Amino acid sequence: MGLGNIQLGTAAWGFRETPLERQLEITRGLGLCVLELGIAGHENDRLQVGATNEAIAEVKALFAHYGVQSICASTGNDFTQADEAACFADLEKIKRVSEIAAKLGVSYLRIFAGFSPAEEVTGARWERMVRCLNEAAGHATPLGIKLTVETHGGVATRQGGVVHFHSVTTRPEMLARLQDEVDQRIGLLFDPANLGAVGMSETRIATLYRALRPRICTLHLKDFKTAGAGALQPCACGEGKLNWGILMAVFRDFDGIGMMEYEIPGDIESGLCRTLSAINSCL
């Protein structure tokens, strides 16, 4: 299913407690044919680092059986940590995940710059982050994989929900610097809800989208609602802070994949249905 030039699919994180076969069933049941596959991003992911060729072939066959495309995948990493060894361990992980993704025919692998508070990522930590991103791209690109860095702030747990704070990919001036310094083959996954969670209005989100548009490969479509005491809780599009009518009017020119990401595992099918309905109604 597409809306304008956007091809809709489902994102991995909300499926972290859902078996892969069920993820594929839900995706097809929504009339969609793209599922972002989590690879070593959560302990429940079907494929982990070190997955055998047989296991990879089984997953590829499942996607074909359900008529779903395995063109998007995701993993987890943090290149902004103070621990240098941990950063380079994450780099090696992304290299191995890229190799798995290539065998599946994945085109886009979603990763992160990191989740540390933006003001802490200076000097050597900034330089190490850039180095890791560039080395990851150098390994992934020859495999036919385009890395996409998500606009994602840091997250802290608070009673009643979570709070988001600025990271290097939600503070516009740092994000602009990052785009200048990293390998030009690295793309972006633009997540407006993560930007709204750190206080951006729809107008500022739209302005940032237009500035970054040449590097944006994929979108996330989700939202957060207030939960008291300044905390946030995930919710479907149309149920939270953002005006999706405004945002979808901005995104209508986007020629790529928009992945619906509903982050509550226990309500995943209903939440994705509500998100799809809200996105449809905006257009």
Protein backbone atom coordinates (compact mmCIF):
# COMPACT_ATOMS: atom_id res chain seq x y z
CA MET A 1 0.00 0.00 0.00
CA GLY A 2 1.24 3.49 -0.81
CA LEU A 3 0.03 6.97 0.05
CA GLY A 4 1.20 9.45 -2.52
CA ASN A 5 4.80 8.39 -3.12
CA ILE A 6 5.17 6.76 0.31
CA GLN A 7 5.26 2.98 0.52
CA LEU A 8 3.96 1.96 3.94
CA GLY A 9 5.38 -0.85 6.03
CA THR A 10 5.76 -1.93 9.65
CA ALA A 11 8.73 -1.22 11.94
CA ALA A 12 10.60 -3.69 14.13
CA TRP A 13 10.59 -2.28 17.67
CA GLY A 14 6.94 -2.81 18.53
CA PHE A 15 7.28 -6.42 17.36
CA ARG A 16 10.06 -7.25 19.84
CA GLU A 17 7.78 -9.67 21.72
CA THR A 18 6.07 -11.05 18.61
CA PRO A 19 7.31 -14.17 16.77
CA LEU A 20 8.49 -13.44 13.24
CA GLU A 21 5.73 -15.47 11.59
CA ARG A 22 3.13 -13.40 13.43
CA GLN A 23 4.91 -10.17 12.45
CA LEU A 24 4.58 -11.21 8.83
CA GLU A 25 0.91 -12.19 9.27
CA ILE A 26 0.06 -8.84 10.81
CA THR A 27 1.92 -6.92 8.11
CA ARG A 28 0.09 -8.75 5.33
CA GLY A 29 -3.21 -8.46 7.20
CA LEU A 30 -2.82 -4.69 7.06
CA GLY A 31 -2.41 -4.90 3.29
CA LEU A 32 1.30 -4.01 3.50
CA CYS A 33 4.29 -5.75 1.97
CA VAL A 34 7.28 -4.28 3.85
CA LEU A 35 8.41 -5.41 7.32
CA GLU A 36 11.49 -3.94 8.95
CA LEU A 37 13.34 -6.97 10.37
CA GLY A 38 15.11 -6.58 13.69
CA ILE A 39 18.55 -8.24 13.60
CA ALA A 40 20.40 -8.48 16.92
CA GLY A 41 18.61 -5.37 18.13
CA HIS A 42 16.71 -7.24 20.84
CA GLU A 43 17.26 -10.58 22.52
CA ASN A 44 14.05 -11.91 20.93
CA ASP A 45 15.10 -11.16 17.36
CA ARG A 46 15.06 -14.31 15.23
CA LEU A 47 18.52 -13.56 13.83
CA GLN A 48 21.43 -12.66 16.10
CA VAL A 49 25.11 -12.02 15.37
CA GLY A 50 26.57 -15.33 14.27
CA ALA A 51 23.36 -16.54 12.60
CA THR A 52 24.00 -19.50 10.33
CA ASN A 53 23.36 -19.46 6.60
CA GLU A 54 20.60 -22.01 7.24
CA ALA A 55 18.85 -19.70 9.73
CA ILE A 56 19.17 -16.76 7.34
CA ALA A 57 17.72 -18.85 4.49
CA GLU A 58 14.77 -19.85 6.70
CA VAL A 59 13.97 -16.20 7.40
CA LYS A 60 14.28 -15.30 3.73
CA ALA A 61 11.88 -18.13 2.87
CA LEU A 62 9.36 -16.90 5.46
CA PHE A 63 9.33 -13.42 3.92
CA ALA A 64 8.78 -14.96 0.47
CA HIS A 65 6.00 -17.22 1.78
CA TYR A 66 4.06 -14.25 3.17
CA GLY A 67 4.78 -12.04 0.17
CA VAL A 68 6.60 -9.47 2.30
CA GLN A 69 9.75 -7.66 1.24
CA SER A 70 12.89 -7.81 3.40
CA ILE A 71 14.28 -4.52 2.15
CA CYS A 72 14.53 -2.87 5.57
CA ALA A 73 16.24 -4.07 8.74
CA SER A 74 17.35 -2.55 12.02
CA THR A 75 19.78 -3.20 14.83
CA GLY A 76 20.94 -1.46 18.01
CA ASN A 77 24.14 0.45 18.78
CA ASP A 78 25.49 3.53 20.55
CA PHE A 79 28.58 5.26 19.19
CA THR A 80 28.35 8.15 21.68
CA GLN A 81 29.16 6.15 24.80
CA ALA A 82 32.04 7.28 26.97
CA ASP A 83 33.37 3.70 26.92
CA GLU A 84 35.60 3.47 23.85
CA ALA A 85 35.68 -0.33 23.88
CA ALA A 86 31.88 -0.49 23.91
CA CYS A 87 31.70 1.80 20.87
CA PHE A 88 34.08 -0.35 18.87
CA ALA A 89 32.26 -3.51 19.97
CA ASP A 90 29.08 -1.96 18.53
CA LEU A 91 30.98 -1.18 15.32
CA GLU A 92 31.93 -4.83 14.91
CA LYS A 93 28.33 -5.80 15.60
CA ILE A 94 27.05 -3.53 12.83
CA LYS A 95 29.58 -5.05 10.42
CA ARG A 96 28.32 -8.56 11.22
CA VAL A 97 24.67 -7.48 11.01
CA SER A 98 25.37 -5.85 7.63
CA GLU A 99 26.67 -9.19 6.36
CA ILE A 100 23.50 -10.95 7.53
CA ALA A 101 21.33 -8.22 6.02
CA ALA A 102 23.08 -8.54 2.67
CA LYS A 103 22.24 -12.24 2.52
CA LEU A 104 18.58 -11.36 3.07
CA GLY A 105 18.53 -8.82 0.25
CA VAL A 106 18.13 -5.86 2.63
CA SER A 107 18.66 -2.40 1.13
CA TYR A 108 18.38 -0.19 4.24
CA LEU A 109 19.80 -0.98 7.69
CA ARG A 110 18.63 1.38 10.45
CA ILE A 111 21.26 2.20 13.07
CA PHE A 112 21.89 5.02 15.55
CA ALA A 113 24.54 7.62 16.22
CA GLY A 114 23.88 7.25 19.94
CA PHE A 115 21.77 8.21 22.91
CA SER A 116 24.10 10.20 25.17
CA PRO A 117 23.07 13.76 26.09
CA ALA A 118 24.11 16.03 23.23
CA GLU A 119 26.28 18.25 25.46
CA GLU A 120 28.43 15.27 26.45
CA VAL A 121 29.39 14.34 22.90
CA THR A 122 32.34 16.62 22.26
CA GLY A 123 36.03 16.25 21.46
CA ALA A 124 37.20 12.65 21.37
CA ARG A 125 33.69 11.26 21.82
CA TRP A 126 32.42 13.16 18.78
CA GLU A 127 35.43 12.11 16.71
CA ARG A 128 34.99 8.46 17.74
CA MET A 129 31.30 8.56 16.81
CA VAL A 130 32.10 9.90 13.35
CA ARG A 131 34.87 7.35 12.88
CA CYS A 132 32.57 4.48 13.82
CA LEU A 133 29.82 5.65 11.50
CA ASN A 134 32.26 6.03 8.64
CA GLU A 135 33.85 2.62 9.20
CA ALA A 136 30.41 1.03 9.41
CA ALA A 137 29.45 2.62 6.08
CA GLY A 138 32.73 1.53 4.54
CA HIS A 139 31.89 -2.06 5.40
CA ALA A 140 28.17 -1.98 4.60
CA THR A 141 28.16 -0.10 1.30
CA PRO A 142 30.10 -2.68 -0.76
CA LEU A 143 27.60 -5.27 0.49
CA GLY A 144 24.76 -3.27 -1.07
CA ILE A 145 23.54 -2.00 2.31
CA LYS A 146 22.72 1.67 2.92
CA LEU A 147 22.95 2.61 6.59
CA THR A 148 20.24 4.98 7.82
CA VAL A 149 20.77 6.84 11.09
CA GLU A 150 17.58 7.48 13.03
CA THR A 151 16.74 10.88 14.49
CA HIS A 152 16.42 9.65 18.06
CA GLY A 153 17.03 11.41 21.35
CA GLY A 154 18.15 9.90 24.61
CA VAL A 155 15.50 8.27 26.77
CA ALA A 156 15.17 8.12 30.56
CA THR A 157 12.52 6.25 32.52
CA ARG A 158 10.18 8.30 34.66
CA GLN A 159 7.21 7.26 36.76
CA GLY A 160 4.32 6.92 34.37
CA GLY A 161 6.42 6.78 31.23
CA VAL A 162 9.65 8.12 29.75
CA VAL A 163 11.27 11.45 28.98
CA HIS A 164 13.31 12.19 25.87
CA PHE A 165 16.32 14.52 25.88
CA HIS A 166 18.47 15.90 23.07
CA SER A 167 21.10 13.71 21.45
CA VAL A 168 23.34 14.60 18.51
CA THR A 169 20.55 13.58 16.09
CA THR A 170 17.77 15.72 17.55
CA ARG A 171 19.64 19.00 18.01
CA PRO A 172 19.52 20.58 14.53
CA GLU A 173 22.92 22.27 14.62
CA MET A 174 24.66 19.06 15.69
CA LEU A 175 22.73 17.03 13.15
CA ALA A 176 23.82 19.46 10.42
CA ARG A 177 27.44 19.10 11.51
CA LEU A 178 27.10 15.33 11.54
CA GLN A 179 25.80 15.34 7.97
CA ASP A 180 28.86 17.31 6.90
CA GLU A 181 31.36 15.00 8.60
CA VAL A 182 30.03 11.50 7.99
CA ASP A 183 30.34 9.44 4.84
CA GLN A 184 27.94 10.81 2.23
CA ARG A 185 26.72 7.26 1.61
CA ILE A 186 25.04 7.24 5.03
CA GLY A 187 21.36 8.16 4.94
CA LEU A 188 18.81 9.14 7.57
CA LEU A 189 15.67 7.65 9.02
CA PHE A 190 13.53 10.66 9.87
CA ASP A 191 11.32 10.10 12.93
CA PRO A 192 9.08 13.12 13.59
CA ALA A 193 7.71 11.70 16.86
CA ASN A 194 11.20 11.51 18.37
CA LEU A 195 11.69 15.15 17.43
CA GLY A 196 8.33 16.11 18.90
CA ALA A 197 9.29 14.25 22.08
CA VAL A 198 12.21 16.67 22.65
CA GLY A 199 9.95 19.67 22.15
CA MET A 200 9.86 20.42 18.43
CA SER A 201 6.66 21.78 16.93
CA GLU A 202 5.26 20.52 13.63
CA THR A 203 6.60 23.69 11.97
CA ARG A 204 10.15 23.05 13.20
CA ILE A 205 9.90 19.37 12.28
CA ALA A 206 8.81 20.33 8.76
CA THR A 207 11.67 22.81 8.43
CA LEU A 208 14.20 20.19 9.53
CA TYR A 209 12.70 17.62 7.17
CA ARG A 210 13.09 19.95 4.22
CA ALA A 211 16.70 20.74 5.17
CA LEU A 212 17.58 17.05 5.49
CA ARG A 213 15.43 15.75 2.63
CA PRO A 214 18.34 14.79 0.32
CA ARG A 215 19.68 12.38 2.97
CA ILE A 216 16.36 10.92 4.18
CA CYS A 217 15.77 7.36 3.00
CA THR A 218 12.99 6.17 5.31
CA LEU A 219 10.42 7.54 7.77
CA HIS A 220 8.94 6.35 11.05
CA LEU A 221 5.27 7.03 11.63
CA LYS A 222 4.37 6.91 15.35
CA ASP A 223 3.50 9.24 18.22
CA PHE A 224 3.72 9.88 21.96
CA LYS A 225 1.10 11.18 24.38
CA THR A 226 1.60 12.91 27.70
CA ALA A 227 1.27 10.69 30.75
CA GLY A 228 1.53 13.17 33.62
CA ALA A 229 4.53 14.64 35.44
CA GLY A 230 6.11 15.49 32.11
CA ALA A 231 6.40 11.85 31.05
CA LEU A 232 5.45 10.41 27.67
CA GLN A 233 3.91 7.15 26.56
CA PRO A 234 3.93 5.66 23.06
CA CYS A 235 0.68 5.73 21.13
CA ALA A 236 -0.74 5.41 17.64
CA CYS A 237 -0.63 8.27 15.18
CA GLY A 238 -3.64 10.49 15.75
CA GLU A 239 -3.69 9.80 19.49
CA GLY A 240 -0.74 11.89 20.61
CA LYS A 241 1.06 15.20 20.50
CA LEU A 242 1.55 15.63 16.77
CA ASN A 243 -0.82 16.96 14.10
CA TRP A 244 -0.45 14.30 11.41
CA GLY A 245 -2.54 16.24 8.94
CA ILE A 246 0.18 18.90 8.88
CA LEU A 247 3.02 16.37 8.77
CA MET A 248 1.61 14.13 6.05
CA ALA A 249 1.04 17.19 3.87
CA VAL A 250 4.78 17.88 4.22
CA PHE A 251 5.74 14.24 3.57
CA ARG A 252 3.60 13.82 0.45
CA ASP A 253 6.64 14.45 -1.73
CA PHE A 254 8.60 11.69 0.00
CA ASP A 255 9.46 8.87 -2.38
CA GLY A 256 10.41 6.06 -0.02
CA ILE A 257 9.27 3.80 2.79
CA GLY A 258 7.24 5.04 5.74
CA MET A 259 7.33 2.44 8.50
CA MET A 260 4.54 2.53 11.06
CA GLU A 261 6.14 2.04 14.47
CA TYR A 262 3.75 1.29 17.31
CA GLU A 263 5.93 0.72 20.36
CA ILE A 264 3.60 -1.14 22.77
CA PRO A 265 4.13 -4.90 22.19
CA GLY A 266 0.96 -6.09 23.92
CA ASP A 267 -1.27 -3.97 21.69
CA ILE A 268 0.76 -4.13 18.51
CA GLU A 269 -1.85 -5.25 15.97
CA SER A 270 -4.55 -2.86 17.17
CA GLY A 271 -2.06 0.00 17.45
CA LEU A 272 -0.82 -0.50 13.90
CA CYS A 273 -4.41 -0.65 12.64
CA ARG A 274 -5.21 2.64 14.38
CA THR A 275 -2.05 4.24 13.00
CA LEU A 276 -2.86 3.10 9.47
CA SER A 277 -6.39 4.49 9.80
CA ALA A 278 -5.06 7.83 11.04
CA ILE A 279 -2.51 8.11 8.23
CA ASN A 280 -5.16 7.21 5.66
CA SER A 281 -7.52 9.84 7.05
CA CYS A 282 -4.84 12.52 6.79
CA LEU A 283 -4.66 11.97 3.06
